[in-house]
Amino acid sequence: MTAIVRILTRRIALLVPLLLGIVLFVFLVMRFSDVDPASAFFQGANPTPRQLHDFRERNGLLDPFPVRYVHFVGALLHGDLGTSALTRAPVVDQVTTALPLTLQLTFLGLGIAVVLALLGGVTAALHRDRLPDQVIRVVSLTGVAAPGFWLALLMIQYLAVDLGWFPTGGYVNPGDSLSGWLRTMTLPAFALSLPVAAQLTRIVRTAVVEELDKDYVRTAVGSGLPPLVVVGRNVLRNALINPLTVLGLRVGYLLGGAVVIETIFSLPGMGKLMIDAVQNGDPAVVQGVVLTTATGFVVVNLVIDILYLLVNPRLRDAAR
């Protein structure tokens, strides 16, 4: 237990400079972009040079760069992501409204990807070099090569338009109708998850095959233990260490892919919020969405690290 606490303390301590680096990078990119916050604030109007100057002075845009960065970090520490130039509303309010839907889509897609990868990878490994293995390998290779937006368009055409099984877009809150929520989220979640599931399937298959070739598996089966018990109790736990690491990296893909998928299916999440902000020239909203997404990616990877420690006793032993 002490080893786990020591490792977690070290990992959490590394998050501070990492998050500050992310904030600095986003701050630099937004400050050197072509979008002027003052012009964005007065869009649709014809501000005078004096009005633009007063706005920049009032919001600290004329301060030296280090001063602006310190003020920016200080505002973030107080939960202030700025004000939307378009709606004049706090960006944090728009983010907190859109974030739950993106999290629903991301983790629903993650759950689908994990289930499909475990079923496909373990089945392929148990039927190594036989027909089920060959079929699963071809399907997974195709899934890795297929982009999510293309899968989304195919699903809309065949499952929504032609067959009418699902709506072509829109969103129903699960509090209003759970069945309606499932119908609106099924196609986006599958379109988002299938490329990740295909990649994880190949990794799970390789890891399980390597475990099945080890001596302890042959010894356990030879001693009379049912093969399914050996696979479920020992092989999977040892084999899932590497796929778990890859899964943490794939969460970033899911969060990024949600931008495109939400736009295709007209889901009012973080992706659509950012696309609308880019199209309307609203730099504060773009900045808030990017920072929130990046922070979420870092936090999810910390959770993956914790799970990695729980399933890999060798790391705990090395830290003692």
Protein backbone atom coordinates (compact mmCIF):
# COMPACT_ATOMS: atom_id res chain seq x y z
CA MET A 1 0.00 0.00 0.00
CA THR A 2 2.87 2.35 0.82
CA ALA A 3 4.42 1.68 -2.58
CA ILE A 4 1.16 2.55 -4.34
CA VAL A 5 0.84 5.81 -2.39
CA ARG A 6 4.45 6.69 -3.19
CA ILE A 7 3.97 6.11 -6.91
CA LEU A 8 0.67 7.99 -7.02
CA THR A 9 2.18 10.93 -5.13
CA ARG A 10 4.98 11.08 -7.68
CA ARG A 11 2.55 10.91 -10.61
CA ILE A 12 0.28 13.59 -9.17
CA ALA A 13 3.28 15.85 -8.53
CA LEU A 14 4.19 15.55 -12.21
CA LEU A 15 0.71 16.74 -13.18
CA VAL A 16 1.38 20.28 -11.94
CA PRO A 17 4.16 21.18 -14.43
CA LEU A 18 2.33 19.23 -17.14
CA LEU A 19 -0.87 21.22 -16.67
CA LEU A 20 1.08 24.49 -16.50
CA GLY A 21 2.78 23.52 -19.76
CA ILE A 22 -0.59 22.84 -21.38
CA VAL A 23 -1.91 26.19 -20.18
CA LEU A 24 1.19 27.97 -21.50
CA PHE A 25 0.93 26.26 -24.88
CA VAL A 26 -2.77 27.13 -25.29
CA PHE A 27 -2.09 30.69 -24.11
CA LEU A 28 0.71 31.11 -26.68
CA VAL A 29 -1.30 29.65 -29.54
CA MET A 30 -4.31 31.85 -28.85
CA ARG A 31 -2.24 34.99 -28.36
CA PHE A 32 -0.38 34.53 -31.64
CA SER A 33 -3.50 33.62 -33.62
CA ASP A 34 -5.08 35.98 -36.12
CA VAL A 35 -8.21 36.41 -33.99
CA ASP A 36 -8.26 39.68 -32.05
CA PRO A 37 -10.34 39.38 -28.84
CA ALA A 38 -11.30 43.04 -29.06
CA SER A 39 -12.54 42.75 -32.66
CA ALA A 40 -14.32 39.50 -31.78
CA PHE A 41 -16.09 41.21 -28.90
CA PHE A 42 -17.40 44.00 -31.16
CA GLN A 43 -18.21 41.77 -34.13
CA GLY A 44 -21.31 42.91 -35.96
CA ALA A 45 -20.67 46.49 -34.82
CA ASN A 46 -18.31 49.18 -36.02
CA PRO A 47 -16.17 50.03 -32.99
CA THR A 48 -14.01 53.11 -33.02
CA PRO A 49 -10.25 52.80 -32.39
CA ARG A 50 -10.90 54.34 -28.97
CA GLN A 51 -13.42 51.64 -28.07
CA LEU A 52 -11.00 48.92 -29.16
CA HIS A 53 -8.21 50.50 -27.11
CA ASP A 54 -10.43 50.83 -24.03
CA PHE A 55 -11.49 47.18 -24.32
CA ARG A 56 -7.87 46.00 -24.59
CA GLU A 57 -6.83 48.14 -21.64
CA ARG A 58 -9.81 47.05 -19.51
CA ASN A 59 -9.08 43.37 -20.16
CA GLY A 60 -5.32 43.55 -19.72
CA LEU A 61 -4.53 42.92 -23.39
CA LEU A 62 -1.98 45.75 -23.39
CA ASP A 63 -0.04 44.35 -20.40
CA PRO A 64 3.36 42.68 -20.91
CA PHE A 65 3.20 39.03 -21.90
CA PRO A 66 4.37 37.57 -18.54
CA VAL A 67 1.82 39.69 -16.66
CA ARG A 68 -0.99 38.52 -18.92
CA TYR A 69 0.05 34.89 -18.43
CA VAL A 70 0.07 35.23 -14.64
CA HIS A 71 -3.38 36.85 -14.71
CA PHE A 72 -4.59 34.10 -17.03
CA VAL A 73 -3.38 31.34 -14.71
CA GLY A 74 -4.84 33.15 -11.71
CA ALA A 75 -8.23 33.36 -13.41
CA LEU A 76 -8.09 29.63 -14.24
CA LEU A 77 -7.38 28.80 -10.61
CA HIS A 78 -10.61 30.61 -9.73
CA GLY A 79 -12.56 28.70 -12.41
CA ASP A 80 -12.72 31.65 -14.79
CA LEU A 81 -12.31 30.65 -18.45
CA GLY A 82 -13.18 34.08 -19.76
CA THR A 83 -16.27 35.53 -21.42
CA SER A 84 -17.74 34.56 -24.76
CA ALA A 85 -17.46 37.33 -27.33
CA LEU A 86 -20.61 36.10 -29.03
CA THR A 87 -23.02 35.48 -26.14
CA ARG A 88 -21.35 37.67 -23.47
CA ALA A 89 -21.83 34.69 -21.11
CA PRO A 90 -19.07 33.10 -19.00
CA VAL A 91 -17.30 30.39 -20.98
CA VAL A 92 -17.38 28.07 -17.97
CA ASP A 93 -21.18 28.02 -18.16
CA GLN A 94 -21.11 26.92 -21.80
CA VAL A 95 -18.45 24.30 -21.07
CA THR A 96 -20.34 22.83 -18.12
CA THR A 97 -23.44 22.60 -20.31
CA ALA A 98 -21.68 20.86 -23.21
CA LEU A 99 -19.20 18.71 -21.23
CA PRO A 100 -21.68 16.12 -19.85
CA LEU A 101 -22.77 15.10 -23.36
CA THR A 102 -19.17 14.72 -24.55
CA LEU A 103 -18.35 12.63 -21.49
CA GLN A 104 -21.41 10.46 -22.14
CA LEU A 105 -20.34 9.92 -25.75
CA THR A 106 -16.68 9.32 -24.86
CA PHE A 107 -17.26 6.79 -22.08
CA LEU A 108 -20.07 5.03 -23.91
CA GLY A 109 -17.72 4.67 -26.87
CA LEU A 110 -14.94 3.56 -24.51
CA GLY A 111 -17.17 0.89 -22.99
CA ILE A 112 -18.19 -0.41 -26.41
CA ALA A 113 -14.55 -0.47 -27.55
CA VAL A 114 -13.42 -2.42 -24.46
CA VAL A 115 -16.21 -5.01 -24.75
CA LEU A 116 -15.64 -5.55 -28.47
CA ALA A 117 -11.85 -5.73 -28.02
CA LEU A 118 -12.07 -8.29 -25.21
CA LEU A 119 -14.55 -10.47 -27.08
CA GLY A 120 -12.68 -10.27 -30.36
CA GLY A 121 -9.14 -10.45 -28.99
CA VAL A 122 -9.72 -13.36 -26.61
CA THR A 123 -11.76 -15.31 -29.18
CA ALA A 124 -9.03 -14.84 -31.80
CA ALA A 125 -6.32 -15.92 -29.35
CA LEU A 126 -8.20 -19.04 -28.24
CA HIS A 127 -8.71 -20.02 -31.92
CA ARG A 128 -5.23 -19.05 -33.05
CA ASP A 129 -4.58 -19.48 -36.78
CA ARG A 130 -8.02 -20.97 -37.33
CA LEU A 131 -11.02 -19.51 -39.14
CA PRO A 132 -12.36 -17.31 -36.27
CA ASP A 133 -8.89 -15.87 -35.77
CA GLN A 134 -8.46 -15.11 -39.47
CA VAL A 135 -11.88 -13.46 -39.73
CA ILE A 136 -11.33 -11.31 -36.62
CA ARG A 137 -7.89 -10.24 -37.81
CA VAL A 138 -9.23 -9.14 -41.21
CA VAL A 139 -12.16 -7.28 -39.60
CA SER A 140 -9.90 -5.56 -37.05
CA LEU A 141 -7.41 -4.53 -39.74
CA THR A 142 -10.27 -3.03 -41.75
CA GLY A 143 -11.52 -1.22 -38.65
CA VAL A 144 -8.10 0.29 -37.96
CA ALA A 145 -7.95 1.67 -41.51
CA ALA A 146 -11.53 3.03 -41.52
CA PRO A 147 -11.84 6.64 -40.27
CA GLY A 148 -14.57 7.35 -37.75
CA PHE A 149 -16.31 10.05 -39.80
CA TRP A 150 -16.63 7.67 -42.77
CA LEU A 151 -18.18 5.01 -40.53
CA ALA A 152 -20.53 7.65 -39.16
CA LEU A 153 -21.73 8.62 -42.63
CA LEU A 154 -22.24 4.97 -43.61
CA MET A 155 -24.26 4.33 -40.44
CA ILE A 156 -26.44 7.36 -41.07
CA GLN A 157 -27.10 6.29 -44.65
CA TYR A 158 -27.88 2.62 -44.06
CA LEU A 159 -29.10 2.38 -40.45
CA ALA A 160 -30.82 5.74 -40.08
CA VAL A 161 -31.98 6.83 -43.56
CA ASP A 162 -32.55 3.50 -45.33
CA LEU A 163 -33.70 1.30 -42.44
CA GLY A 164 -34.95 4.00 -40.06
CA TRP A 165 -33.68 2.15 -36.98
CA PHE A 166 -32.01 5.23 -35.50
CA PRO A 167 -32.39 9.00 -35.86
CA THR A 168 -29.96 10.80 -38.16
CA GLY A 169 -28.98 13.22 -35.40
CA GLY A 170 -30.11 15.18 -32.38
CA TYR A 171 -29.94 14.44 -28.68
CA VAL A 172 -32.39 13.29 -26.02
CA ASN A 173 -31.51 13.79 -22.36
CA PRO A 174 -31.43 10.46 -20.46
CA GLY A 175 -33.49 12.10 -17.71
CA ASP A 176 -36.30 12.69 -20.19
CA SER A 177 -36.19 9.33 -21.97
CA LEU A 178 -33.60 6.60 -21.48
CA SER A 179 -34.68 4.78 -24.63
CA GLY A 180 -34.54 8.03 -26.60
CA TRP A 181 -31.05 8.69 -25.24
CA LEU A 182 -29.89 5.22 -26.31
CA ARG A 183 -31.33 5.69 -29.81
CA THR A 184 -29.60 9.04 -30.29
CA MET A 185 -26.28 7.93 -28.80
CA THR A 186 -25.89 4.44 -30.27
CA LEU A 187 -24.71 5.40 -33.76
CA PRO A 188 -22.32 8.17 -32.58
CA ALA A 189 -20.84 5.90 -29.91
CA PHE A 190 -20.26 3.03 -32.35
CA ALA A 191 -18.80 5.35 -35.00
CA LEU A 192 -16.42 6.75 -32.39
CA SER A 193 -15.48 3.41 -30.82
CA LEU A 194 -15.01 1.02 -33.75
CA PRO A 195 -11.51 2.21 -34.82
CA VAL A 196 -10.37 2.03 -31.18
CA ALA A 197 -11.98 -1.39 -30.72
CA ALA A 198 -10.23 -2.67 -33.85
CA GLN A 199 -6.81 -1.53 -32.63
CA LEU A 200 -7.35 -2.87 -29.12
CA THR A 201 -8.56 -6.21 -30.50
CA ARG A 202 -5.22 -6.77 -32.21
CA ILE A 203 -3.30 -5.80 -29.08
CA VAL A 204 -5.45 -8.01 -26.81
CA ARG A 205 -5.04 -10.96 -29.18
CA THR A 206 -1.25 -10.62 -29.22
CA ALA A 207 -1.05 -10.26 -25.43
CA VAL A 208 -3.32 -13.26 -24.77
CA VAL A 209 -1.43 -15.45 -27.26
CA GLU A 210 1.86 -14.62 -25.51
CA GLU A 211 0.36 -15.53 -22.13
CA LEU A 212 -1.14 -18.79 -23.39
CA ASP A 213 2.33 -19.94 -24.50
CA LYS A 214 3.80 -19.58 -21.00
CA ASP A 215 4.60 -22.57 -18.80
CA TYR A 216 2.24 -21.70 -15.95
CA VAL A 217 -0.76 -21.96 -18.29
CA ARG A 218 0.22 -25.42 -19.49
CA THR A 219 0.87 -26.48 -15.88
CA ALA A 220 -2.51 -25.18 -14.69
CA VAL A 221 -4.41 -26.88 -17.51
CA GLY A 222 -2.42 -30.07 -17.04
CA SER A 223 -3.29 -30.15 -13.34
CA GLY A 224 -6.97 -30.36 -14.22
CA LEU A 225 -8.15 -26.76 -14.05
CA PRO A 226 -10.73 -25.90 -16.73
CA PRO A 227 -9.14 -23.81 -19.52
CA LEU A 228 -11.81 -21.08 -19.19
CA VAL A 229 -11.00 -20.72 -15.48
CA VAL A 230 -7.30 -20.40 -16.24
CA VAL A 231 -7.96 -17.81 -18.95
CA GLY A 232 -10.39 -15.80 -16.86
CA ARG A 233 -8.46 -15.88 -13.60
CA ASN A 234 -4.82 -15.72 -14.69
CA VAL A 235 -4.28 -15.16 -18.39
CA LEU A 236 -6.52 -12.12 -18.78
CA ARG A 237 -5.14 -10.36 -15.72
CA ASN A 238 -1.56 -10.70 -16.95
CA ALA A 239 -2.38 -10.12 -20.61
CA LEU A 240 -4.35 -6.89 -20.12
CA ILE A 241 -1.43 -4.87 -18.73
CA ASN A 242 -0.19 -3.66 -22.14
CA PRO A 243 -3.69 -3.09 -23.62
CA LEU A 244 -4.53 -1.02 -20.55
CA THR A 245 -1.63 1.33 -21.31
CA VAL A 246 -2.76 1.72 -24.92
CA LEU A 247 -6.32 2.31 -23.72
CA GLY A 248 -5.19 5.40 -21.81
CA LEU A 249 -3.74 6.88 -24.98
CA ARG A 250 -6.86 6.00 -26.98
CA VAL A 251 -9.03 8.06 -24.62
CA GLY A 252 -7.37 11.10 -26.14
CA TYR A 253 -8.43 9.87 -29.57
CA LEU A 254 -12.00 9.43 -28.34
CA LEU A 255 -12.09 12.95 -26.92
CA GLY A 256 -10.66 14.39 -30.12
CA GLY A 257 -12.85 12.25 -32.34
CA ALA A 258 -15.92 13.45 -30.48
CA VAL A 259 -15.40 16.86 -32.13
CA VAL A 260 -16.10 15.41 -35.58
CA ILE A 261 -18.73 12.88 -34.50
CA GLU A 262 -20.75 15.47 -32.56
CA THR A 263 -20.76 17.74 -35.59
CA ILE A 264 -21.93 14.96 -37.93
CA PHE A 265 -24.76 13.88 -35.59
CA SER A 266 -25.67 17.44 -34.44
CA LEU A 267 -24.92 16.66 -30.79
CA PRO A 268 -24.59 19.80 -28.60
CA GLY A 269 -21.34 18.72 -26.93
CA MET A 270 -17.84 20.14 -26.60
CA GLY A 271 -16.96 19.38 -30.21
CA LYS A 272 -19.88 21.28 -31.67
CA LEU A 273 -19.26 24.09 -29.18
CA MET A 274 -15.68 24.46 -30.41
CA ILE A 275 -16.58 24.22 -34.11
CA ASP A 276 -19.23 26.92 -33.67
CA ALA A 277 -16.75 29.08 -31.75
CA VAL A 278 -14.13 28.75 -34.49
CA GLN A 279 -16.66 29.59 -37.21
CA ASN A 280 -17.98 32.59 -35.25
CA GLY A 281 -14.55 33.88 -34.19
CA ASP A 282 -15.01 33.37 -30.44
CA PRO A 283 -11.45 32.81 -29.10
CA ALA A 284 -12.38 32.57 -25.43
CA VAL A 285 -14.70 29.61 -26.05
CA VAL A 286 -12.12 27.83 -28.23
CA GLN A 287 -9.52 28.35 -25.51
CA GLY A 288 -11.86 27.06 -22.79
CA VAL A 289 -12.82 23.94 -24.74
CA VAL A 290 -9.19 23.07 -25.56
CA LEU A 291 -8.05 23.54 -21.96
CA THR A 292 -10.92 21.47 -20.59
CA THR A 293 -10.34 18.66 -23.07
CA ALA A 294 -6.59 18.59 -22.44
CA THR A 295 -7.10 18.56 -18.68
CA GLY A 296 -9.61 15.73 -19.01
CA PHE A 297 -7.10 13.73 -21.05
CA VAL A 298 -4.45 14.17 -18.35
CA VAL A 299 -6.85 13.15 -15.57
CA VAL A 300 -8.03 10.06 -17.46
CA ASN A 301 -4.42 8.97 -17.97
CA LEU A 302 -3.84 9.34 -14.23
CA VAL A 303 -6.79 7.01 -13.64
CA ILE A 304 -5.31 4.56 -16.15
CA ASP A 305 -2.00 4.71 -14.24
CA ILE A 306 -3.86 3.79 -11.05
CA LEU A 307 -5.52 0.83 -12.77
CA TYR A 308 -2.13 -0.15 -14.19
CA LEU A 309 -0.72 -0.30 -10.67
CA LEU A 310 -3.59 -2.46 -9.48
CA VAL A 311 -3.13 -5.09 -12.19
CA ASN A 312 0.69 -5.02 -12.34
CA PRO A 313 2.26 -6.08 -9.03
CA ARG A 314 5.76 -5.79 -10.48
CA LEU A 315 5.50 -2.01 -10.47
CA ARG A 316 4.49 -2.02 -6.81
CA ASP A 317 7.43 -4.28 -5.95
CA ALA A 318 9.86 -2.06 -7.86
CA ALA A 319 8.75 1.00 -5.86
CA ARG A 320 9.44 -0.56 -2.46
